[in-house]
């Protein structure tokens, strides 16, 4: 065939393209070494010219056209140990994964986000907000841990089930009793944005979840006993295929998944100290979240 013939003579004119190497630091290009442009037979154009001549019944003397072969571009990405470096990494991870919402806050250290204010369907991450409201109700004396809540479970048992196995009836019963708008107002009072909505629908953002868990971990949100009650259950909850798997260390997390939404909100107890990591996704997978968490964890602890 014509294509095979052209391939057989390609070696006589072929010149392999080089490689352009681009160095990026925190997402900014700092150097570029241009590779050489290559050369080869333009097979498609040659075949098109021959086909056209045959259709017209023409006798032609055809010069085989050549085409430039552009060099392959290879990126060397480096990230500084700064907020800017972390932000550049998160942007790269999010872009490669199709648009994750990611927020990271080290305790007393770096913080950055990408799509951090993007509103997502909260899925079961909203149960963290309900947990806070439960603590406040008990603190105010309007509820006790022995109160019956749902399905024969008292408040203590429902609280654990809501976090440990993401029990929906318990979370709904708590929300109905306390009032969804009341819980939403509590969250806004804590500094969470108006993108966190619990009535009539459940929405939140990576930045809002990060701020919430950051304040849980730094002790400014809950008493020490309430913090321990919440994080102890989060450390043992049953869904471990996202951030816990990706980081390989102790993690207190709450997942959420519904329809195409899969989220993981975590306090990660890394070797250099705890940090908050939120990953919110639409159309991804637990494996994708684990891989993103692994890259971020490696950066933070290098």
Protein backbone atom coordinates (compact mmCIF):
# COMPACT_ATOMS: atom_id res chain seq x y z
CA UNK A 1 0.00 0.00 0.00
CA UNK A 2 0.99 3.65 -0.38
CA UNK A 3 1.17 4.08 3.38
CA UNK A 4 3.57 1.16 3.79
CA UNK A 5 5.74 2.48 0.94
CA UNK A 6 5.94 5.92 2.53
CA UNK A 7 6.87 4.32 5.83
CA UNK A 8 9.66 2.41 4.06
CA UNK A 9 11.27 5.61 2.74
CA UNK A 10 10.63 7.63 5.89
CA UNK A 11 14.06 6.73 7.29
CA UNK A 12 15.78 8.56 4.42
CA UNK A 13 14.42 11.96 5.48
CA UNK A 14 13.37 11.43 9.08
CA UNK A 15 14.92 13.55 11.80
CA UNK A 16 13.73 12.83 15.31
CA UNK A 17 12.42 15.83 17.26
CA UNK A 18 14.22 16.82 20.41
CA UNK A 19 12.83 17.53 23.86
CA UNK A 20 11.95 20.95 25.25
CA UNK A 21 12.52 21.00 28.99
CA UNK A 22 10.59 23.50 31.08
CA UNK A 23 11.36 24.13 34.74
CA UNK A 24 8.46 25.36 36.87
CA UNK A 25 8.76 26.57 40.46
CA UNK A 26 5.42 27.04 42.23
CA UNK A 27 3.68 26.97 38.86
CA UNK A 28 5.86 29.72 37.34
CA UNK A 29 8.19 29.02 34.44
CA UNK A 30 11.77 29.87 35.42
CA UNK A 31 13.71 28.30 32.57
CA UNK A 32 13.20 26.60 29.23
CA UNK A 33 15.64 24.64 27.08
CA UNK A 34 14.23 24.34 23.57
CA UNK A 35 14.50 21.02 21.79
CA UNK A 36 15.25 20.79 18.07
CA UNK A 37 12.42 20.60 15.58
CA UNK A 38 12.30 17.28 13.74
CA UNK A 39 11.32 16.37 10.20
CA UNK A 40 9.35 13.62 8.52
CA UNK A 41 7.16 12.74 5.55
CA UNK A 42 3.66 14.16 5.76
CA UNK A 43 1.94 10.85 5.09
CA UNK A 44 -1.62 12.13 5.29
CA UNK A 45 -1.04 15.00 2.88
CA UNK A 46 0.78 12.74 0.41
CA UNK A 47 -2.02 10.17 0.41
CA UNK A 48 -4.62 12.93 0.03
CA UNK A 49 -2.79 14.34 -3.03
CA UNK A 50 -2.51 10.90 -4.63
CA UNK A 51 -6.16 10.13 -3.96
CA UNK A 52 -7.23 13.41 -5.52
CA UNK A 53 -5.10 12.78 -8.63
CA UNK A 54 -6.49 9.28 -9.08
CA UNK A 55 -10.07 10.54 -8.80
CA UNK A 56 -9.36 13.13 -11.51
CA UNK A 57 -7.52 10.62 -13.70
CA UNK A 58 -4.48 12.86 -13.87
CA UNK A 59 -0.87 11.91 -14.46
CA UNK A 60 1.18 13.84 -11.92
CA UNK A 61 4.73 14.13 -10.74
CA UNK A 62 4.32 14.28 -7.00
CA UNK A 63 6.86 15.73 -4.62
CA UNK A 64 6.47 14.07 -1.25
CA UNK A 65 5.78 16.87 1.23
CA UNK A 66 7.66 17.01 4.52
CA UNK A 67 6.35 18.24 7.83
CA UNK A 68 7.95 19.64 10.94
CA UNK A 69 7.83 17.44 14.03
CA UNK A 70 7.56 19.58 17.13
CA UNK A 71 9.70 18.69 20.13
CA UNK A 72 8.14 16.90 23.08
CA UNK A 73 7.67 19.20 26.08
CA UNK A 74 8.72 17.81 29.47
CA UNK A 75 7.93 19.74 32.64
CA UNK A 76 10.08 19.70 35.75
CA UNK A 77 7.73 20.86 38.49
CA UNK A 78 9.17 22.00 41.80
CA UNK A 79 7.36 23.40 44.81
CA UNK A 80 8.75 25.58 47.58
CA UNK A 81 7.89 24.90 51.22
CA UNK A 82 5.56 27.90 51.30
CA UNK A 83 1.87 28.72 50.92
CA UNK A 84 2.61 29.51 47.28
CA UNK A 85 4.27 26.14 46.77
CA UNK A 86 1.37 24.33 48.40
CA UNK A 87 -1.16 26.30 46.33
CA UNK A 88 0.69 25.42 43.11
CA UNK A 89 0.72 21.73 44.02
CA UNK A 90 -3.00 21.73 44.86
CA UNK A 91 -3.82 23.45 41.56
CA UNK A 92 -1.80 20.87 39.65
CA UNK A 93 -3.38 17.94 41.49
CA UNK A 94 -6.88 19.34 41.01
CA UNK A 95 -6.34 20.01 37.32
CA UNK A 96 -4.99 16.51 36.72
CA UNK A 97 -7.99 15.01 38.55
CA UNK A 98 -10.65 17.02 36.72
CA UNK A 99 -11.41 19.84 39.14
CA UNK A 100 -11.26 18.73 42.76
CA UNK A 101 -12.07 21.18 45.52
CA UNK A 102 -9.11 20.90 47.91
CA UNK A 103 -8.30 22.80 51.07
CA UNK A 104 -5.28 22.28 53.33
CA UNK A 105 -4.53 23.90 56.69
CA UNK A 106 -1.54 22.97 58.80
CA UNK A 107 -1.87 23.66 62.50
CA UNK A 108 0.09 26.88 62.85
CA UNK A 109 1.67 26.42 59.43
CA UNK A 110 0.93 26.62 55.72
CA UNK A 111 -2.51 26.82 54.17
CA UNK A 112 -3.81 26.88 50.62
CA UNK A 113 -6.73 25.78 48.52
CA UNK A 114 -7.86 25.24 44.98
CA UNK A 115 -11.56 25.52 44.18
CA UNK A 116 -11.88 25.95 47.94
CA UNK A 117 -14.98 28.14 47.68
CA UNK A 118 -16.67 25.99 45.04
CA UNK A 119 -20.02 24.82 46.36
CA UNK A 120 -20.58 21.05 46.33
CA UNK A 121 -23.48 18.88 47.39
CA UNK A 122 -22.35 18.15 50.94
CA UNK A 123 -23.30 14.46 50.99
CA UNK A 124 -22.64 13.13 54.50
CA UNK A 125 -19.93 15.65 55.38
CA UNK A 126 -22.79 17.78 56.77
CA UNK A 127 -22.96 15.35 59.68
CA UNK A 128 -19.91 17.09 61.15
CA UNK A 129 -22.02 20.23 61.45
CA UNK A 130 -24.86 18.27 63.03
CA UNK A 131 -22.37 16.80 65.53
CA UNK A 132 -21.38 20.30 66.63
CA UNK A 133 -25.04 21.25 67.07
CA UNK A 134 -25.63 18.15 69.20
CA UNK A 135 -22.80 19.21 71.52
CA UNK A 136 -24.29 22.69 71.82
CA UNK A 137 -27.77 21.32 72.57
CA UNK A 138 -26.41 19.11 75.34
CA UNK A 139 -24.29 21.93 76.70
CA UNK A 140 -27.40 24.15 76.84
CA UNK A 141 -29.40 21.45 78.62
CA UNK A 142 -31.92 21.04 75.80
CA UNK A 143 -30.79 17.46 75.13
CA UNK A 144 -29.06 14.69 77.07
CA UNK A 145 -27.05 11.72 75.84
CA UNK A 146 -29.76 9.38 77.13
CA UNK A 147 -32.57 10.98 75.11
CA UNK A 148 -34.22 8.70 72.56
CA UNK A 149 -33.47 9.90 69.03
CA UNK A 150 -34.08 7.35 66.27
CA UNK A 151 -34.76 3.64 65.81
CA UNK A 152 -34.42 2.78 69.48
CA UNK A 153 -31.08 4.58 69.73
CA UNK A 154 -30.41 7.30 72.28
CA UNK A 155 -28.39 10.43 71.53
CA UNK A 156 -25.11 8.80 72.52
CA UNK A 157 -25.70 5.80 70.25
CA UNK A 158 -27.03 7.93 67.40
CA UNK A 159 -24.08 10.30 67.59
CA UNK A 160 -21.66 7.40 67.24
CA UNK A 161 -23.65 5.76 64.43
CA UNK A 162 -23.91 9.07 62.53
CA UNK A 163 -20.11 9.37 62.38
CA UNK A 164 -18.92 5.74 62.55
CA UNK A 165 -21.18 4.28 59.85
CA UNK A 166 -22.67 7.54 58.51
CA UNK A 167 -26.15 6.57 59.71
CA UNK A 168 -28.71 8.70 57.88
CA UNK A 169 -31.81 8.24 60.09
CA UNK A 170 -29.88 9.39 63.18
CA UNK A 171 -28.51 12.46 61.41
CA UNK A 172 -31.95 13.37 60.08
CA UNK A 173 -33.54 12.91 63.50
CA UNK A 174 -30.95 15.16 65.13
CA UNK A 175 -31.42 17.79 62.42
CA UNK A 176 -35.19 17.70 62.66
CA UNK A 177 -35.07 18.03 66.43
CA UNK A 178 -32.53 20.86 66.55
CA UNK A 179 -33.78 22.58 63.39
CA UNK A 180 -31.86 22.62 60.11
CA UNK A 181 -31.95 26.39 59.84
CA UNK A 182 -30.69 26.66 63.42
CA UNK A 183 -27.72 24.43 62.57
CA UNK A 184 -27.01 26.44 59.41
CA UNK A 185 -27.08 29.65 61.45
CA UNK A 186 -24.63 28.09 63.93
CA UNK A 187 -22.22 27.33 61.08
CA UNK A 188 -22.40 30.86 59.74
CA UNK A 189 -21.81 32.10 63.27
CA UNK A 190 -18.60 30.08 63.35
CA UNK A 191 -17.35 31.88 60.24
CA UNK A 192 -18.40 29.39 57.58
CA UNK A 193 -19.53 31.02 54.35
CA UNK A 194 -23.05 31.36 52.98
CA UNK A 195 -22.14 28.56 50.57
CA UNK A 196 -22.71 26.18 53.46
CA UNK A 197 -26.44 25.57 53.45
CA UNK A 198 -28.42 23.01 55.40
CA UNK A 199 -31.96 24.18 54.71
CA UNK A 200 -33.66 23.23 52.48
CA UNK A 201 -30.72 21.51 50.73
CA UNK A 202 -27.29 20.38 51.90
CA UNK A 203 -24.29 22.21 50.41
CA UNK A 204 -20.83 23.15 51.60
CA UNK A 205 -17.29 23.92 50.42
CA UNK A 206 -13.82 22.56 51.01
CA UNK A 207 -12.77 25.79 52.72
CA UNK A 208 -15.74 25.71 55.11
CA UNK A 209 -15.07 22.09 56.09
CA UNK A 210 -11.37 22.93 56.52
CA UNK A 211 -12.11 25.89 58.80
CA UNK A 212 -14.48 23.74 60.86
CA UNK A 213 -12.01 20.87 61.35
CA UNK A 214 -9.12 23.28 61.91
CA UNK A 215 -11.03 24.82 64.82
CA UNK A 216 -11.92 21.36 66.11
CA UNK A 217 -8.26 20.35 66.13
CA UNK A 218 -6.87 23.59 67.59
CA UNK A 219 -9.34 23.44 70.47
CA UNK A 220 -11.18 26.68 69.77
CA UNK A 221 -14.48 25.05 68.80
CA UNK A 222 -15.18 22.31 71.34
CA UNK A 223 -14.29 21.37 74.89
CA UNK A 224 -11.51 18.82 75.21
CA UNK A 225 -13.99 16.08 76.07
CA UNK A 226 -16.29 16.92 73.14
CA UNK A 227 -13.32 17.08 70.78
CA UNK A 228 -12.16 13.68 71.96
CA UNK A 229 -15.65 12.20 71.57
CA UNK A 230 -15.87 13.41 67.97
CA UNK A 231 -12.33 12.68 66.79
CA UNK A 232 -12.17 9.27 68.46
CA UNK A 233 -15.15 8.13 66.42
CA UNK A 234 -13.78 9.77 63.27
CA UNK A 235 -10.52 7.86 63.70
CA UNK A 236 -12.36 4.55 63.68
CA UNK A 237 -15.17 5.23 61.15
CA UNK A 238 -15.52 2.51 58.55
CA UNK A 239 -14.83 4.35 55.27
CA UNK A 240 -11.02 4.34 54.96
CA UNK A 241 -10.32 4.16 51.20
CA UNK A 242 -9.74 7.87 50.62
CA UNK A 243 -7.44 10.09 52.70
CA UNK A 244 -6.57 7.39 55.28
CA UNK A 245 -5.38 5.02 52.57
CA UNK A 246 -3.54 7.75 50.68
CA UNK A 247 -1.61 9.06 53.68
CA UNK A 248 -0.99 5.82 55.56
CA UNK A 249 -1.04 7.52 58.97
CA UNK A 250 -3.61 8.09 61.71
CA UNK A 251 -6.56 10.03 60.30
CA UNK A 252 -9.79 11.34 61.84
CA UNK A 253 -12.15 11.74 58.90
CA UNK A 254 -15.73 11.96 57.76
CA UNK A 255 -16.64 10.95 54.23
CA UNK A 256 -19.63 11.82 52.12
CA UNK A 257 -20.87 10.15 48.96
CA UNK A 258 -24.09 10.47 47.01
CA UNK A 259 -24.73 10.10 43.28
CA UNK A 260 -21.52 11.28 41.57
CA UNK A 261 -20.21 13.17 44.60
CA UNK A 262 -17.43 11.65 46.72
CA UNK A 263 -15.80 13.70 49.49
CA UNK A 264 -13.37 13.17 52.34
CA UNK A 265 -12.83 15.64 55.19
CA UNK A 266 -9.97 14.82 57.53
CA UNK A 267 -7.61 15.73 60.28
CA UNK A 268 -4.35 13.99 59.36
CA UNK A 269 -1.85 13.25 62.13
CA UNK A 270 1.34 13.43 60.09
CA UNK A 271 4.93 13.02 61.27
CA UNK A 272 5.46 16.80 61.24
CA UNK A 273 2.21 17.53 63.08
CA UNK A 274 -1.51 17.51 62.34
CA UNK A 275 -3.07 19.17 59.36
CA UNK A 276 -6.56 19.42 57.90
CA UNK A 277 -7.15 18.06 54.40
CA UNK A 278 -10.46 18.34 52.56
CA UNK A 279 -10.98 16.78 49.13
CA UNK A 280 -14.34 17.27 47.40
CA UNK A 281 -15.07 15.66 44.05
CA UNK A 282 -17.75 15.14 41.45
CA UNK A 283 -17.32 12.15 39.16
CA UNK A 284 -14.14 10.80 40.75
CA UNK A 285 -13.28 7.76 42.85
CA UNK A 286 -11.84 6.77 46.22
CA UNK A 287 -8.65 5.80 44.38
CA UNK A 288 -8.40 9.29 42.92
CA UNK A 289 -8.85 10.86 46.35
CA UNK A 290 -6.25 8.51 47.86
CA UNK A 291 -3.73 9.41 45.14
CA UNK A 292 -4.31 13.15 45.63
CA UNK A 293 -3.95 12.74 49.40
CA UNK A 294 -0.70 10.82 48.93
CA UNK A 295 0.83 13.59 46.79
CA UNK A 296 -0.21 16.30 49.26
CA UNK A 297 0.97 14.29 52.29
CA UNK A 298 4.37 13.68 50.68
CA UNK A 299 4.80 17.41 50.02
CA UNK A 300 3.80 18.46 53.53
CA UNK A 301 6.14 15.98 55.20
CA UNK A 302 9.22 16.09 52.98
